[in-house]
Amino acid sequence: MFSCLENYQIFQGLDELFIILGQLWPVNNNVQRTLMASEQ
């Protein structure tokens, strides 16, 4: 079993991961739109 502190650190790590993914996601969408637009 994880201790409370280990659980907290895991969730904090996931939180940071989601923040990073959230920052990358709009960039990813923009790249896809740009590619679609350039193909037409």
C-alpha atoms as a PDB file:
ATOM      1  CA  MET A   1       0.000   0.000   0.000  1.00  0.00           C
ATOM      2  CA  PHE A   2       1.063   3.581  -0.578  1.00  0.00           C
ATOM      3  CA  SER A   3       1.446   5.896   2.368  1.00  0.00           C
ATOM      4  CA  CYS A   4      -0.465   9.184   2.375  1.00  0.00           C
ATOM      5  CA  LEU A   5       2.685  11.090   1.467  1.00  0.00           C
ATOM      6  CA  GLU A   6       3.420   8.810  -1.491  1.00  0.00           C
ATOM      7  CA  ASN A   7      -0.180   9.149  -2.683  1.00  0.00           C
ATOM      8  CA  TYR A   8       0.089  12.922  -2.449  1.00  0.00           C
ATOM      9  CA  GLN A   9       3.311  12.952  -4.453  1.00  0.00           C
ATOM     10  CA  ILE A  10       1.789  10.721  -7.143  1.00  0.00           C
ATOM     11  CA  PHE A  11      -1.265  12.960  -7.467  1.00  0.00           C
ATOM     12  CA  GLN A  12       0.916  16.055  -7.536  1.00  0.00           C
ATOM     13  CA  GLY A  13       2.943  14.471 -10.338  1.00  0.00           C
ATOM     14  CA  LEU A  14      -0.225  13.640 -12.277  1.00  0.00           C
ATOM     15  CA  ASP A  15      -1.435  17.185 -11.764  1.00  0.00           C
ATOM     16  CA  GLU A  16       1.742  18.588 -13.274  1.00  0.00           C
ATOM     17  CA  LEU A  17       1.498  16.091 -16.137  1.00  0.00           C
ATOM     18  CA  PHE A  18      -2.047  17.213 -16.956  1.00  0.00           C
ATOM     19  CA  ILE A  19      -1.000  20.870 -16.852  1.00  0.00           C
ATOM     20  CA  ILE A  20       1.779  20.102 -19.360  1.00  0.00           C
ATOM     21  CA  LEU A  21      -0.623  18.104 -21.548  1.00  0.00           C
ATOM     22  CA  GLY A  22      -3.148  20.929 -21.329  1.00  0.00           C
ATOM     23  CA  GLN A  23      -0.520  23.348 -22.590  1.00  0.00           C
ATOM     24  CA  LEU A  24       0.488  21.039 -25.444  1.00  0.00           C
ATOM     25  CA  TRP A  25      -3.076  20.173 -26.510  1.00  0.00           C
ATOM     26  CA  PRO A  26      -3.992  23.548 -28.100  1.00  0.00           C
ATOM     27  CA  VAL A  27      -0.647  23.539 -29.947  1.00  0.00           C
ATOM     28  CA  ASN A  28      -1.420  20.061 -31.240  1.00  0.00           C
ATOM     29  CA  ASN A  29      -4.868  21.206 -32.441  1.00  0.00           C
ATOM     30  CA  ASN A  30      -3.398  24.228 -34.206  1.00  0.00           C
ATOM     31  CA  VAL A  31      -0.832  22.068 -35.983  1.00  0.00           C
ATOM     32  CA  GLN A  32      -3.556  19.712 -37.204  1.00  0.00           C
ATOM     33  CA  ARG A  33      -5.686  22.622 -38.450  1.00  0.00           C
ATOM     34  CA  THR A  34      -2.705  24.134 -40.240  1.00  0.00           C
ATOM     35  CA  LEU A  35      -1.940  20.801 -41.925  1.00  0.00           C
ATOM     36  CA  MET A  36      -5.555  20.370 -43.017  1.00  0.00           C
ATOM     37  CA  ALA A  37      -5.681  23.917 -44.373  1.00  0.00           C
ATOM     38  CA  SER A  38      -2.440  23.478 -46.325  1.00  0.00           C
ATOM     39  CA  GLU A  39      -3.687  20.253 -47.926  1.00  0.00           C
ATOM     40  CA  GLN A  40      -6.755  21.930 -49.451  1.00  0.00           C
END
